[in-house]
Amino acid sequence: MAGESTDMSNVIGSISNEIFQMGDHIKDIAENSANSSNIVQDADQKAVLTQETMEKLKQSALSIGKVNEVITDISAQTKLLALNATIEALVRERQVKVLPL
């Protein structure tokens, strides 16, 4: 009977030890889970910031496009003014050649 009692005590001690080890593993899992959650939250915040930055870049690109359009329009007008001035100069030159002095 004493041998059975010792065996039972050893089994219960072993089970108790296993339960404590399971508790430690569960604690580790909970800590890892919390760390993973923090990493995911950090990644989510960075994704939001990246999205906001991309939106700002998009708006800047649109503004640059508008400025480029204005510059292109001014360039076209300048070319027309230069062509007009050249034509007027040629007309005056011919008028001067035609008029007797």
N, C-alpha and C. Protein backbone atom coordinates (compact mmCIF):
# COMPACT_ATOMS: atom_id res chain seq x y z
N MET A 1 0.80 -1.18 0.00
CA MET A 1 0.00 0.00 0.00
C MET A 1 0.86 1.27 0.00
N ALA A 2 1.94 1.22 0.75
CA ALA A 2 2.84 2.38 0.81
C ALA A 2 3.46 2.61 -0.56
N GLY A 3 3.75 1.54 -1.29
CA GLY A 3 4.33 1.67 -2.63
C GLY A 3 3.36 2.32 -3.58
N GLU A 4 2.08 1.91 -3.48
CA GLU A 4 1.05 2.51 -4.34
C GLU A 4 0.88 3.97 -4.01
N SER A 5 0.95 4.30 -2.75
CA SER A 5 0.81 5.68 -2.31
C SER A 5 1.95 6.53 -2.84
N THR A 6 3.15 5.96 -2.82
CA THR A 6 4.31 6.69 -3.34
C THR A 6 4.18 6.86 -4.85
N ASP A 7 3.74 5.81 -5.52
CA ASP A 7 3.55 5.90 -6.98
C ASP A 7 2.49 6.94 -7.31
N MET A 8 1.41 6.94 -6.56
CA MET A 8 0.33 7.90 -6.78
C MET A 8 0.84 9.31 -6.52
N SER A 9 1.63 9.48 -5.48
CA SER A 9 2.19 10.78 -5.14
C SER A 9 3.12 11.25 -6.25
N ASN A 10 3.92 10.33 -6.79
CA ASN A 10 4.82 10.67 -7.91
C ASN A 10 4.03 11.08 -9.15
N VAL A 11 2.96 10.36 -9.45
CA VAL A 11 2.12 10.67 -10.61
C VAL A 11 1.48 12.04 -10.43
N ILE A 12 0.94 12.29 -9.24
CA ILE A 12 0.31 13.59 -8.97
C ILE A 12 1.34 14.71 -9.05
N GLY A 13 2.53 14.46 -8.53
CA GLY A 13 3.61 15.46 -8.61
C GLY A 13 3.99 15.72 -10.06
N SER A 14 4.07 14.66 -10.82
CA SER A 14 4.41 14.80 -12.25
C SER A 14 3.32 15.57 -12.99
N ILE A 15 2.07 15.25 -12.70
CA ILE A 15 0.95 15.96 -13.34
C ILE A 15 0.96 17.44 -12.93
N SER A 16 1.22 17.68 -11.66
CA SER A 16 1.28 19.05 -11.17
C SER A 16 2.39 19.82 -11.88
N ASN A 17 3.53 19.17 -12.02
CA ASN A 17 4.66 19.80 -12.72
C ASN A 17 4.30 20.10 -14.18
N GLU A 18 3.63 19.15 -14.83
CA GLU A 18 3.20 19.33 -16.22
C GLU A 18 2.23 20.51 -16.34
N ILE A 19 1.33 20.62 -15.37
CA ILE A 19 0.36 21.72 -15.39
C ILE A 19 1.08 23.06 -15.24
N PHE A 20 2.06 23.13 -14.36
CA PHE A 20 2.83 24.37 -14.21
C PHE A 20 3.57 24.71 -15.50
N GLN A 21 4.14 23.68 -16.13
CA GLN A 21 4.84 23.91 -17.40
C GLN A 21 3.86 24.39 -18.48
N MET A 22 2.66 23.81 -18.50
CA MET A 22 1.63 24.27 -19.44
C MET A 22 1.28 25.73 -19.17
N GLY A 23 1.19 26.07 -17.89
CA GLY A 23 0.91 27.46 -17.52
C GLY A 23 1.99 28.39 -18.02
N ASP A 24 3.24 27.97 -17.91
CA ASP A 24 4.35 28.78 -18.43
C ASP A 24 4.26 28.93 -19.95
N HIS A 25 3.91 27.81 -20.61
CA HIS A 25 3.78 27.86 -22.08
C HIS A 25 2.62 28.78 -22.49
N ILE A 26 1.54 28.69 -21.75
CA ILE A 26 0.39 29.56 -22.05
C ILE A 26 0.77 31.02 -21.82
N LYS A 27 1.53 31.28 -20.76
CA LYS A 27 2.01 32.64 -20.51
C LYS A 27 2.88 33.12 -21.67
N ASP A 28 3.80 32.26 -22.14
CA ASP A 28 4.66 32.61 -23.28
C ASP A 28 3.82 32.89 -24.53
N ILE A 29 2.83 32.06 -24.75
CA ILE A 29 1.95 32.25 -25.92
C ILE A 29 1.22 33.58 -25.81
N ALA A 30 0.74 33.90 -24.62
CA ALA A 30 0.02 35.17 -24.41
C ALA A 30 0.95 36.35 -24.66
N GLU A 31 2.20 36.26 -24.18
CA GLU A 31 3.17 37.34 -24.41
C GLU A 31 3.48 37.49 -25.90
N ASN A 32 3.69 36.36 -26.57
CA ASN A 32 3.96 36.40 -28.01
C ASN A 32 2.77 36.97 -28.78
N SER A 33 1.60 36.60 -28.33
CA SER A 33 0.39 37.12 -28.97
C SER A 33 0.29 38.63 -28.79
N ALA A 34 0.59 39.09 -27.59
CA ALA A 34 0.55 40.54 -27.32
C ALA A 34 1.61 41.26 -28.16
N ASN A 35 2.81 40.68 -28.25
CA ASN A 35 3.86 41.27 -29.08
C ASN A 35 3.44 41.32 -30.54
N SER A 36 2.83 40.25 -31.01
CA SER A 36 2.35 40.21 -32.40
C SER A 36 1.29 41.28 -32.63
N SER A 37 0.42 41.44 -31.66
CA SER A 37 -0.62 42.47 -31.76
C SER A 37 0.00 43.85 -31.85
N ASN A 38 1.03 44.11 -31.04
CA ASN A 38 1.72 45.40 -31.09
C ASN A 38 2.39 45.62 -32.44
N ILE A 39 2.98 44.58 -32.97
CA ILE A 39 3.64 44.69 -34.28
C ILE A 39 2.61 45.00 -35.36
N VAL A 40 1.47 44.32 -35.29
CA VAL A 40 0.40 44.56 -36.27
C VAL A 40 -0.14 45.98 -36.15
N GLN A 41 -0.32 46.47 -34.94
CA GLN A 41 -0.80 47.84 -34.74
C GLN A 41 0.21 48.85 -35.28
N ASP A 42 1.50 48.60 -35.04
CA ASP A 42 2.55 49.48 -35.55
C ASP A 42 2.55 49.48 -37.08
N ALA A 43 2.43 48.29 -37.65
CA ALA A 43 2.39 48.19 -39.11
C ALA A 43 1.17 48.90 -39.68
N ASP A 44 0.04 48.80 -39.00
CA ASP A 44 -1.18 49.47 -39.44
C ASP A 44 -1.01 50.98 -39.40
N GLN A 45 -0.40 51.49 -38.33
CA GLN A 45 -0.16 52.94 -38.23
C GLN A 45 0.78 53.40 -39.34
N LYS A 46 1.80 52.61 -39.62
CA LYS A 46 2.74 52.97 -40.69
C LYS A 46 2.05 52.92 -42.05
N ALA A 47 1.15 51.98 -42.23
CA ALA A 47 0.41 51.90 -43.48
C ALA A 47 -0.48 53.14 -43.66
N VAL A 48 -1.10 53.57 -42.58
CA VAL A 48 -1.94 54.78 -42.65
C VAL A 48 -1.08 55.99 -42.99
N LEU A 49 0.07 56.12 -42.33
CA LEU A 49 0.98 57.24 -42.63
C LEU A 49 1.47 57.20 -44.07
N THR A 50 1.77 55.99 -44.55
CA THR A 50 2.21 55.83 -45.94
C THR A 50 1.10 56.24 -46.89
N GLN A 51 -0.12 55.86 -46.60
CA GLN A 51 -1.26 56.22 -47.44
C GLN A 51 -1.44 57.74 -47.44
N GLU A 52 -1.31 58.37 -46.28
CA GLU A 52 -1.44 59.83 -46.21
C GLU A 52 -0.34 60.51 -47.02
N THR A 53 0.87 60.00 -46.91
CA THR A 53 2.00 60.56 -47.66
C THR A 53 1.78 60.40 -49.16
N MET A 54 1.28 59.24 -49.56
CA MET A 54 1.02 59.01 -50.98
C MET A 54 -0.06 59.97 -51.49
N GLU A 55 -1.06 60.24 -50.67
CA GLU A 55 -2.12 61.18 -51.07
C GLU A 55 -1.53 62.59 -51.24
N LYS A 56 -0.65 62.98 -50.32
CA LYS A 56 0.00 64.29 -50.44
C LYS A 56 0.86 64.36 -51.69
N LEU A 57 1.58 63.28 -51.97
CA LEU A 57 2.39 63.24 -53.19
C LEU A 57 1.51 63.33 -54.45
N LYS A 58 0.37 62.68 -54.38
CA LYS A 58 -0.57 62.73 -55.51
C LYS A 58 -1.03 64.17 -55.74
N GLN A 59 -1.40 64.85 -54.64
CA GLN A 59 -1.84 66.23 -54.76
C GLN A 59 -0.72 67.13 -55.28
N SER A 60 0.50 66.89 -54.82
CA SER A 60 1.64 67.67 -55.30
C SER A 60 1.87 67.43 -56.79
N ALA A 61 1.75 66.19 -57.20
CA ALA A 61 1.93 65.85 -58.62
C ALA A 61 0.87 66.54 -59.47
N LEU A 62 -0.37 66.58 -58.97
CA LEU A 62 -1.43 67.27 -59.70
C LEU A 62 -1.14 68.76 -59.81
N SER A 63 -0.63 69.35 -58.72
CA SER A 63 -0.28 70.77 -58.74
C SER A 63 0.85 71.04 -59.72
N ILE A 64 1.84 70.17 -59.72
CA ILE A 64 2.96 70.31 -60.67
C ILE A 64 2.44 70.20 -62.10
N GLY A 65 1.50 69.30 -62.32
CA GLY A 65 0.91 69.15 -63.66
C GLY A 65 0.21 70.43 -64.10
N LYS A 66 -0.49 71.08 -63.18
CA LYS A 66 -1.17 72.33 -63.50
C LYS A 66 -0.16 73.43 -63.84
N VAL A 67 0.91 73.51 -63.05
CA VAL A 67 1.97 74.50 -63.32
C VAL A 67 2.58 74.22 -64.69
N ASN A 68 2.79 72.96 -65.00
CA ASN A 68 3.36 72.59 -66.29
C ASN A 68 2.44 73.02 -67.44
N GLU A 69 1.14 72.87 -67.25
CA GLU A 69 0.18 73.31 -68.26
C GLU A 69 0.28 74.82 -68.48
N VAL A 70 0.38 75.58 -67.40
CA VAL A 70 0.50 77.04 -67.50
C VAL A 70 1.78 77.40 -68.25
N ILE A 71 2.88 76.75 -67.91
CA ILE A 71 4.15 77.02 -68.59
C ILE A 71 4.04 76.69 -70.08
N THR A 72 3.40 75.59 -70.41
CA THR A 72 3.21 75.20 -71.81
C THR A 72 2.37 76.24 -72.54
N ASP A 73 1.30 76.72 -71.90
CA ASP A 73 0.46 77.76 -72.51
C ASP A 73 1.25 79.05 -72.74
N ILE A 74 2.04 79.45 -71.74
CA ILE A 74 2.85 80.66 -71.87
C ILE A 74 3.86 80.49 -73.00
N SER A 75 4.45 79.33 -73.09
CA SER A 75 5.43 79.05 -74.15
C SER A 75 4.77 79.16 -75.53
N ALA A 76 3.58 78.60 -75.66
CA ALA A 76 2.86 78.67 -76.94
C ALA A 76 2.53 80.12 -77.29
N GLN A 77 2.09 80.89 -76.30
CA GLN A 77 1.77 82.30 -76.54
C GLN A 77 3.03 83.08 -76.92
N THR A 78 4.14 82.77 -76.26
CA THR A 78 5.40 83.44 -76.57
C THR A 78 5.83 83.14 -78.00
N LYS A 79 5.67 81.91 -78.42
CA LYS A 79 6.01 81.54 -79.81
C LYS A 79 5.14 82.30 -80.79
N LEU A 80 3.85 82.42 -80.46
CA LEU A 80 2.95 83.17 -81.35
C LEU A 80 3.33 84.64 -81.41
N LEU A 81 3.69 85.21 -80.25
CA LEU A 81 4.12 86.61 -80.22
C LEU A 81 5.40 86.80 -81.03
N ALA A 82 6.32 85.87 -80.92
CA ALA A 82 7.57 85.95 -81.70
C ALA A 82 7.28 85.83 -83.19
N LEU A 83 6.38 84.94 -83.56
CA LEU A 83 6.02 84.81 -84.97
C LEU A 83 5.35 86.08 -85.48
N ASN A 84 4.46 86.63 -84.67
CA ASN A 84 3.78 87.87 -85.04
C ASN A 84 4.79 89.01 -85.20
N ALA A 85 5.74 89.12 -84.29
CA ALA A 85 6.76 90.17 -84.38
C ALA A 85 7.62 89.98 -85.63
N THR A 86 7.93 88.75 -85.96
CA THR A 86 8.72 88.48 -87.17
C THR A 86 7.95 88.89 -88.41
N ILE A 87 6.67 88.56 -88.44
CA ILE A 87 5.83 88.93 -89.60
C ILE A 87 5.74 90.45 -89.71
N GLU A 88 5.51 91.12 -88.60
CA GLU A 88 5.43 92.58 -88.63
C GLU A 88 6.75 93.19 -89.09
N ALA A 89 7.86 92.63 -88.66
CA ALA A 89 9.16 93.14 -89.09
C ALA A 89 9.36 92.95 -90.59
N LEU A 90 8.93 91.82 -91.12
CA LEU A 90 9.04 91.58 -92.56
C LEU A 90 8.15 92.52 -93.35
N VAL A 91 6.94 92.75 -92.83
CA VAL A 91 6.02 93.68 -93.49
C VAL A 91 6.63 95.07 -93.51
N ARG A 92 7.19 95.54 -92.43
CA ARG A 92 7.81 96.87 -92.38
C ARG A 92 9.01 96.95 -93.31
N GLU A 93 9.78 95.87 -93.35
CA GLU A 93 10.94 95.85 -94.23
C GLU A 93 10.52 96.00 -95.68
N ARG A 94 9.47 95.32 -96.06
CA ARG A 94 8.98 95.44 -97.45
C ARG A 94 8.41 96.83 -97.71
N GLN A 95 7.72 97.37 -96.69
CA GLN A 95 7.17 98.72 -96.86
C GLN A 95 8.31 99.72 -97.05
N VAL A 96 9.37 99.58 -96.33
CA VAL A 96 10.51 100.49 -96.44
C VAL A 96 11.13 100.36 -97.82
N LYS A 97 11.21 99.16 -98.35
CA LYS A 97 11.80 98.94 -99.68
C LYS A 97 10.90 99.52 -100.77
N VAL A 98 9.61 99.49 -100.56
CA VAL A 98 8.67 99.96 -101.56
C VAL A 98 8.61 101.47 -101.57
N LEU A 99 8.70 102.12 -100.42
CA LEU A 99 8.59 103.57 -100.33
C LEU A 99 9.87 104.23 -100.84
N PRO A 100 9.72 105.20 -101.76
CA PRO A 100 10.93 105.91 -102.23
C PRO A 100 11.38 106.92 -101.17
N LEU A 101 12.66 107.10 -101.13
CA LEU A 101 13.22 108.08 -100.20
C LEU A 101 13.37 109.39 -100.81
